[in-house]
Amino acid sequence: MKAIATEFRLEVKDLDRHGTLAAINNFLLGQVEQCKDVVLIIDEAQNLTDELLEQVRLLSNLELDNRKLLQIILMGQPELRARLDSPRLRQLRQRISVRYHLAPLNRAEVVQYIKHRLDLAGANGVPRFTSPALWRIFGYSHGIPRLVNSICDKALLAGFVEHSNRINYRLVGRAIRELEGNIRV
C-alpha cells in the first residue's frame, strides 16, 4: 500500500496500513472531483504474494455509488492466470471484469516485432538480423515477446562487442547460451 501511495506521490511514511488506505482514498476522491480517472498498473503480478493480492482486492473496494475510484490492471506471466484461478483468490477473481491473454507471436510477427523495435530505436536498417538469426530467435523464444527482447538485447550487445552490424545465427546462439547461463569464454 505504501508503495502504491508513494507512486501517487502521497506522503504516507508514518501512517499505518489503514491510514495509508485512507490517504489513497482521499487522493482518489480528489481525482474524481477533477474529473480524472486513475489507473493502477501492476506488472509482474504473478510475483505478488496472496497477501499482497488481497491488498489489491481491498483497493478495488474504493468506490462511489456510481463508479469505481480506481481501475486496476494486473499484468504478468501465464503463472498469474493460474494464481488467480486458485480458490484462495476467489474474491479477487470475482472483481476482475476483463481478462486478456496475449498469445505468443508467430514467426512473421516476431520478425515484424524486431524490425519495429529497431525502427523505434532509430536503427534505420543497421544493425540487421539475418534470416537464420530471426529463425533461431523464433525457435528459442516460441514467440514470447519477453524472450524475444532478451535474446535480441544480448545478440545486439554481442554484435557491438564484435563490431558487427550483422546479427547472425552464431551471435543469436551466443545470446541464447548466455540467457541459459552457458557462457563460454
C-alpha atoms as a PDB file:
ATOM      1  CA  MET A   1       0.000   0.000   0.000  1.00  0.00           C
ATOM      2  CA  LYS A   2       2.803   2.380   0.855  1.00  0.00           C
ATOM      3  CA  ALA A   3       4.493   1.683  -2.482  1.00  0.00           C
ATOM      4  CA  ILE A   4       1.279   2.459  -4.326  1.00  0.00           C
ATOM      5  CA  ALA A   5       0.728   5.608  -2.290  1.00  0.00           C
ATOM      6  CA  THR A   6       4.297   6.677  -2.999  1.00  0.00           C
ATOM      7  CA  GLU A   7       3.706   6.187  -6.742  1.00  0.00           C
ATOM      8  CA  PHE A   8       0.764   8.571  -6.389  1.00  0.00           C
ATOM      9  CA  ARG A   9       3.191  10.982  -4.634  1.00  0.00           C
ATOM     10  CA  LEU A  10       1.376  10.757  -1.320  1.00  0.00           C
ATOM     11  CA  GLU A  11       3.190  11.314   1.974  1.00  0.00           C
ATOM     12  CA  VAL A  12       2.451   8.165   3.966  1.00  0.00           C
ATOM     13  CA  LYS A  13       5.764   7.436   5.648  1.00  0.00           C
ATOM     14  CA  ASP A  14       4.462   7.470   9.220  1.00  0.00           C
ATOM     15  CA  LEU A  15       0.997   6.037   8.515  1.00  0.00           C
ATOM     16  CA  ASP A  16      -0.146   2.504   9.257  1.00  0.00           C
ATOM     17  CA  ARG A  17      -1.962   0.378   6.663  1.00  0.00           C
ATOM     18  CA  HIS A  18      -5.380   1.872   7.434  1.00  0.00           C
ATOM     19  CA  GLY A  19      -4.023   5.421   7.366  1.00  0.00           C
ATOM     20  CA  THR A  20      -2.301   4.702   4.070  1.00  0.00           C
ATOM     21  CA  LEU A  21      -5.529   3.315   2.616  1.00  0.00           C
ATOM     22  CA  ALA A  22      -7.389   6.416   3.815  1.00  0.00           C
ATOM     23  CA  ALA A  23      -4.781   8.666   2.170  1.00  0.00           C
ATOM     24  CA  ILE A  24      -5.159   6.754  -1.103  1.00  0.00           C
ATOM     25  CA  ASN A  25      -8.952   7.012  -0.854  1.00  0.00           C
ATOM     26  CA  ASN A  26      -8.767  10.780  -0.266  1.00  0.00           C
ATOM     27  CA  PHE A  27      -6.396  11.154  -3.214  1.00  0.00           C
ATOM     28  CA  LEU A  28      -8.755   9.197  -5.454  1.00  0.00           C
ATOM     29  CA  LEU A  29     -11.758  11.269  -4.345  1.00  0.00           C
ATOM     30  CA  GLY A  30      -9.788  14.404  -5.224  1.00  0.00           C
ATOM     31  CA  GLN A  31      -9.078  12.997  -8.667  1.00  0.00           C
ATOM     32  CA  VAL A  32     -12.802  12.337  -9.199  1.00  0.00           C
ATOM     33  CA  GLU A  33     -13.546  15.959  -8.292  1.00  0.00           C
ATOM     34  CA  GLN A  34     -11.100  16.983 -11.027  1.00  0.00           C
ATOM     35  CA  CYS A  35     -12.808  14.569 -13.482  1.00  0.00           C
ATOM     36  CA  LYS A  36      -9.656  12.448 -13.694  1.00  0.00           C
ATOM     37  CA  ASP A  37      -9.542   8.683 -13.940  1.00  0.00           C
ATOM     38  CA  VAL A  38      -6.833   6.844 -12.028  1.00  0.00           C
ATOM     39  CA  VAL A  39      -5.356   3.578 -13.241  1.00  0.00           C
ATOM     40  CA  LEU A  40      -3.017   1.376 -11.236  1.00  0.00           C
ATOM     41  CA  ILE A  41      -0.924  -0.942 -13.398  1.00  0.00           C
ATOM     42  CA  ILE A  42       0.910  -3.740 -11.634  1.00  0.00           C
ATOM     43  CA  ASP A  43       3.404  -5.568 -13.831  1.00  0.00           C
ATOM     44  CA  GLU A  44       4.834  -8.981 -12.948  1.00  0.00           C
ATOM     45  CA  ALA A  45       1.756  -9.514 -10.748  1.00  0.00           C
ATOM     46  CA  GLN A  46       2.406 -13.259 -10.669  1.00  0.00           C
ATOM     47  CA  ASN A  47       5.191 -12.465  -8.189  1.00  0.00           C
ATOM     48  CA  LEU A  48       2.846 -10.877  -5.644  1.00  0.00           C
ATOM     49  CA  THR A  49       2.080 -12.901  -2.564  1.00  0.00           C
ATOM     50  CA  ASP A  50      -1.513 -13.863  -1.804  1.00  0.00           C
ATOM     51  CA  GLU A  51      -1.459 -11.264   0.964  1.00  0.00           C
ATOM     52  CA  LEU A  52      -0.438  -8.535  -1.479  1.00  0.00           C
ATOM     53  CA  LEU A  53      -3.064  -9.645  -3.981  1.00  0.00           C
ATOM     54  CA  GLU A  54      -5.599  -9.358  -1.172  1.00  0.00           C
ATOM     55  CA  GLN A  55      -4.431  -5.774  -0.614  1.00  0.00           C
ATOM     56  CA  VAL A  56      -5.049  -5.120  -4.304  1.00  0.00           C
ATOM     57  CA  ARG A  57      -8.559  -6.539  -3.851  1.00  0.00           C
ATOM     58  CA  LEU A  58      -9.142  -4.115  -0.987  1.00  0.00           C
ATOM     59  CA  LEU A  59      -8.167  -1.254  -3.289  1.00  0.00           C
ATOM     60  CA  SER A  60     -10.835  -2.429  -5.713  1.00  0.00           C
ATOM     61  CA  ASN A  61     -13.409  -1.721  -2.975  1.00  0.00           C
ATOM     62  CA  LEU A  62     -12.736   2.020  -3.170  1.00  0.00           C
ATOM     63  CA  GLU A  63     -15.782   3.352  -4.956  1.00  0.00           C
ATOM     64  CA  LEU A  64     -18.639   5.807  -5.026  1.00  0.00           C
ATOM     65  CA  ASP A  65     -22.255   4.793  -5.560  1.00  0.00           C
ATOM     66  CA  ASN A  66     -21.916   5.156  -9.313  1.00  0.00           C
ATOM     67  CA  ARG A  67     -18.283   4.423 -10.112  1.00  0.00           C
ATOM     68  CA  LYS A  68     -15.021   2.835  -9.095  1.00  0.00           C
ATOM     69  CA  LEU A  69     -12.353   5.253  -7.879  1.00  0.00           C
ATOM     70  CA  LEU A  70      -9.517   3.149  -9.237  1.00  0.00           C
ATOM     71  CA  GLN A  71      -9.090   0.956 -12.282  1.00  0.00           C
ATOM     72  CA  ILE A  72      -6.596  -1.822 -11.608  1.00  0.00           C
ATOM     73  CA  ILE A  73      -4.674  -3.657 -14.302  1.00  0.00           C
ATOM     74  CA  LEU A  74      -2.714  -6.758 -13.342  1.00  0.00           C
ATOM     75  CA  MET A  75      -0.142  -7.839 -15.897  1.00  0.00           C
ATOM     76  CA  GLY A  76       2.008 -10.908 -15.653  1.00  0.00           C
ATOM     77  CA  GLN A  77       3.271 -14.158 -16.994  1.00  0.00           C
ATOM     78  CA  PRO A  78       0.970 -17.162 -17.570  1.00  0.00           C
ATOM     79  CA  GLU A  79       1.535 -18.126 -13.926  1.00  0.00           C
ATOM     80  CA  LEU A  80      -0.697 -15.168 -12.981  1.00  0.00           C
ATOM     81  CA  ARG A  81      -3.708 -16.831 -14.593  1.00  0.00           C
ATOM     82  CA  ALA A  82      -3.068 -19.997 -12.582  1.00  0.00           C
ATOM     83  CA  ARG A  83      -2.676 -17.964  -9.381  1.00  0.00           C
ATOM     84  CA  LEU A  84      -5.941 -16.114  -9.983  1.00  0.00           C
ATOM     85  CA  ASP A  85      -7.747 -19.421 -10.537  1.00  0.00           C
ATOM     86  CA  SER A  86      -6.733 -20.517  -7.038  1.00  0.00           C
ATOM     87  CA  PRO A  87      -9.644 -20.895  -4.564  1.00  0.00           C
ATOM     88  CA  ARG A  88      -7.707 -18.676  -2.129  1.00  0.00           C
ATOM     89  CA  LEU A  89      -8.089 -15.726  -4.521  1.00  0.00           C
ATOM     90  CA  ARG A  90     -11.771 -16.274  -5.313  1.00  0.00           C
ATOM     91  CA  GLN A  91     -12.814 -12.823  -4.043  1.00  0.00           C
ATOM     92  CA  LEU A  92     -10.220 -11.066  -6.170  1.00  0.00           C
ATOM     93  CA  ARG A  93     -11.106 -13.155  -9.211  1.00  0.00           C
ATOM     94  CA  GLN A  94     -14.773 -12.145  -8.807  1.00  0.00           C
ATOM     95  CA  ARG A  95     -13.778  -8.498  -9.127  1.00  0.00           C
ATOM     96  CA  ILE A  96     -11.943  -8.978 -12.421  1.00  0.00           C
ATOM     97  CA  SER A  97     -14.135  -7.688 -15.222  1.00  0.00           C
ATOM     98  CA  VAL A  98     -11.822  -8.314 -18.178  1.00  0.00           C
ATOM     99  CA  ARG A  99      -9.128 -10.922 -18.756  1.00  0.00           C
ATOM    100  CA  TYR A 100      -6.865 -10.973 -21.740  1.00  0.00           C
ATOM    101  CA  HIS A 101      -4.144 -13.449 -22.588  1.00  0.00           C
ATOM    102  CA  LEU A 102      -1.541 -12.358 -25.119  1.00  0.00           C
ATOM    103  CA  ALA A 103      -0.753 -15.380 -27.240  1.00  0.00           C
ATOM    104  CA  PRO A 104       2.813 -15.915 -28.450  1.00  0.00           C
ATOM    105  CA  LEU A 105       3.707 -14.231 -31.722  1.00  0.00           C
ATOM    106  CA  ASN A 106       4.031 -16.303 -34.878  1.00  0.00           C
ATOM    107  CA  ARG A 107       7.278 -16.213 -36.878  1.00  0.00           C
ATOM    108  CA  ALA A 108       6.173 -13.360 -39.161  1.00  0.00           C
ATOM    109  CA  GLU A 109       5.035 -11.336 -36.152  1.00  0.00           C
ATOM    110  CA  VAL A 110       8.379 -11.902 -34.405  1.00  0.00           C
ATOM    111  CA  VAL A 111      10.204 -10.574 -37.482  1.00  0.00           C
ATOM    112  CA  GLN A 112       7.883  -7.524 -37.628  1.00  0.00           C
ATOM    113  CA  TYR A 113       8.210  -7.010 -33.888  1.00  0.00           C
ATOM    114  CA  ILE A 114      12.011  -6.984 -34.021  1.00  0.00           C
ATOM    115  CA  LYS A 115      12.008  -4.636 -37.023  1.00  0.00           C
ATOM    116  CA  HIS A 116       9.560  -2.323 -35.263  1.00  0.00           C
ATOM    117  CA  ARG A 117      11.626  -2.238 -32.067  1.00  0.00           C
ATOM    118  CA  LEU A 118      14.782  -1.474 -34.067  1.00  0.00           C
ATOM    119  CA  ASP A 119      12.958   1.261 -36.007  1.00  0.00           C
ATOM    120  CA  LEU A 120      11.750   2.827 -32.741  1.00  0.00           C
ATOM    121  CA  ALA A 121      15.356   2.842 -31.527  1.00  0.00           C
ATOM    122  CA  GLY A 122      16.387   4.689 -34.704  1.00  0.00           C
ATOM    123  CA  ALA A 123      18.282   1.800 -36.275  1.00  0.00           C
ATOM    124  CA  ASN A 124      17.376   2.625 -39.913  1.00  0.00           C
ATOM    125  CA  GLY A 125      18.341  -0.882 -41.065  1.00  0.00           C
ATOM    126  CA  VAL A 126      21.590  -1.070 -39.091  1.00  0.00           C
ATOM    127  CA  PRO A 127      22.141  -3.304 -37.218  1.00  0.00           C
ATOM    128  CA  ARG A 128      20.328  -6.015 -39.144  1.00  0.00           C
ATOM    129  CA  PHE A 129      19.297  -9.512 -38.107  1.00  0.00           C
ATOM    130  CA  THR A 130      19.898 -12.156 -40.766  1.00  0.00           C
ATOM    131  CA  SER A 131      17.084 -14.544 -41.743  1.00  0.00           C
ATOM    132  CA  PRO A 132      18.748 -17.524 -39.984  1.00  0.00           C
ATOM    133  CA  ALA A 133      19.172 -15.364 -36.875  1.00  0.00           C
ATOM    134  CA  LEU A 134      15.472 -14.494 -36.924  1.00  0.00           C
ATOM    135  CA  TRP A 135      14.571 -18.184 -37.320  1.00  0.00           C
ATOM    136  CA  ARG A 136      16.737 -19.012 -34.311  1.00  0.00           C
ATOM    137  CA  ILE A 137      15.174 -16.247 -32.208  1.00  0.00           C
ATOM    138  CA  PHE A 138      11.708 -17.522 -33.027  1.00  0.00           C
ATOM    139  CA  GLY A 139      12.700 -21.135 -32.447  1.00  0.00           C
ATOM    140  CA  TYR A 140      14.069 -20.440 -29.000  1.00  0.00           C
ATOM    141  CA  SER A 141      11.506 -17.861 -27.857  1.00  0.00           C
ATOM    142  CA  HIS A 142       8.435 -19.612 -29.280  1.00  0.00           C
ATOM    143  CA  GLY A 143       7.185 -16.080 -29.959  1.00  0.00           C
ATOM    144  CA  ILE A 144       7.146 -14.893 -26.350  1.00  0.00           C
ATOM    145  CA  PRO A 145       7.925 -11.156 -26.581  1.00  0.00           C
ATOM    146  CA  ARG A 146       9.877 -11.005 -23.312  1.00  0.00           C
ATOM    147  CA  LEU A 147      12.218 -13.760 -24.530  1.00  0.00           C
ATOM    148  CA  VAL A 148      12.493 -12.136 -27.965  1.00  0.00           C
ATOM    149  CA  ASN A 149      13.567  -8.902 -26.241  1.00  0.00           C
ATOM    150  CA  SER A 150      16.113 -10.672 -24.045  1.00  0.00           C
ATOM    151  CA  ILE A 151      17.672 -12.599 -26.922  1.00  0.00           C
ATOM    152  CA  CYS A 152      17.834  -9.556 -29.181  1.00  0.00           C
ATOM    153  CA  ASP A 153      19.324  -7.404 -26.432  1.00  0.00           C
ATOM    154  CA  LYS A 154      22.122  -9.889 -25.808  1.00  0.00           C
ATOM    155  CA  ALA A 155      22.671 -10.551 -29.530  1.00  0.00           C
ATOM    156  CA  LEU A 156      22.907  -6.810 -30.237  1.00  0.00           C
ATOM    157  CA  LEU A 157      25.414  -6.427 -27.417  1.00  0.00           C
ATOM    158  CA  ALA A 158      27.448  -9.333 -28.823  1.00  0.00           C
ATOM    159  CA  GLY A 159      27.339  -7.687 -32.255  1.00  0.00           C
ATOM    160  CA  PHE A 160      28.534  -4.416 -30.734  1.00  0.00           C
ATOM    161  CA  VAL A 161      31.422  -6.166 -28.980  1.00  0.00           C
ATOM    162  CA  GLU A 162      32.425  -7.804 -32.286  1.00  0.00           C
ATOM    163  CA  HIS A 163      31.961  -4.526 -34.208  1.00  0.00           C
ATOM    164  CA  SER A 164      29.345  -6.214 -36.405  1.00  0.00           C
ATOM    165  CA  ASN A 165      26.160  -4.607 -37.723  1.00  0.00           C
ATOM    166  CA  ARG A 166      25.037  -8.013 -38.966  1.00  0.00           C
ATOM    167  CA  ILE A 167      23.441 -10.078 -36.205  1.00  0.00           C
ATOM    168  CA  ASN A 168      23.743 -13.656 -37.423  1.00  0.00           C
ATOM    169  CA  TYR A 169      22.773 -17.148 -36.312  1.00  0.00           C
ATOM    170  CA  ARG A 170      26.026 -17.547 -34.329  1.00  0.00           C
ATOM    171  CA  LEU A 171      25.552 -14.308 -32.365  1.00  0.00           C
ATOM    172  CA  VAL A 172      21.974 -15.263 -31.539  1.00  0.00           C
ATOM    173  CA  GLY A 173      23.247 -18.655 -30.356  1.00  0.00           C
ATOM    174  CA  ARG A 174      25.732 -16.873 -28.125  1.00  0.00           C
ATOM    175  CA  ALA A 175      22.899 -14.745 -26.717  1.00  0.00           C
ATOM    176  CA  ILE A 176      20.795 -17.842 -26.041  1.00  0.00           C
ATOM    177  CA  ARG A 177      23.674 -19.615 -24.293  1.00  0.00           C
ATOM    178  CA  GLU A 178      24.188 -16.541 -22.137  1.00  0.00           C
ATOM    179  CA  LEU A 179      20.492 -16.450 -21.236  1.00  0.00           C
ATOM    180  CA  GLU A 180      20.747 -20.072 -20.163  1.00  0.00           C
ATOM    181  CA  GLY A 181      23.881 -19.410 -18.136  1.00  0.00           C
ATOM    182  CA  ASN A 182      26.143 -21.373 -20.523  1.00  0.00           C
ATOM    183  CA  ILE A 183      28.732 -18.692 -21.149  1.00  0.00           C
ATOM    184  CA  ARG A 184      31.818 -19.851 -22.997  1.00  0.00           C
ATOM    185  CA  VAL A 185      34.895 -17.681 -22.796  1.00  0.00           C
END
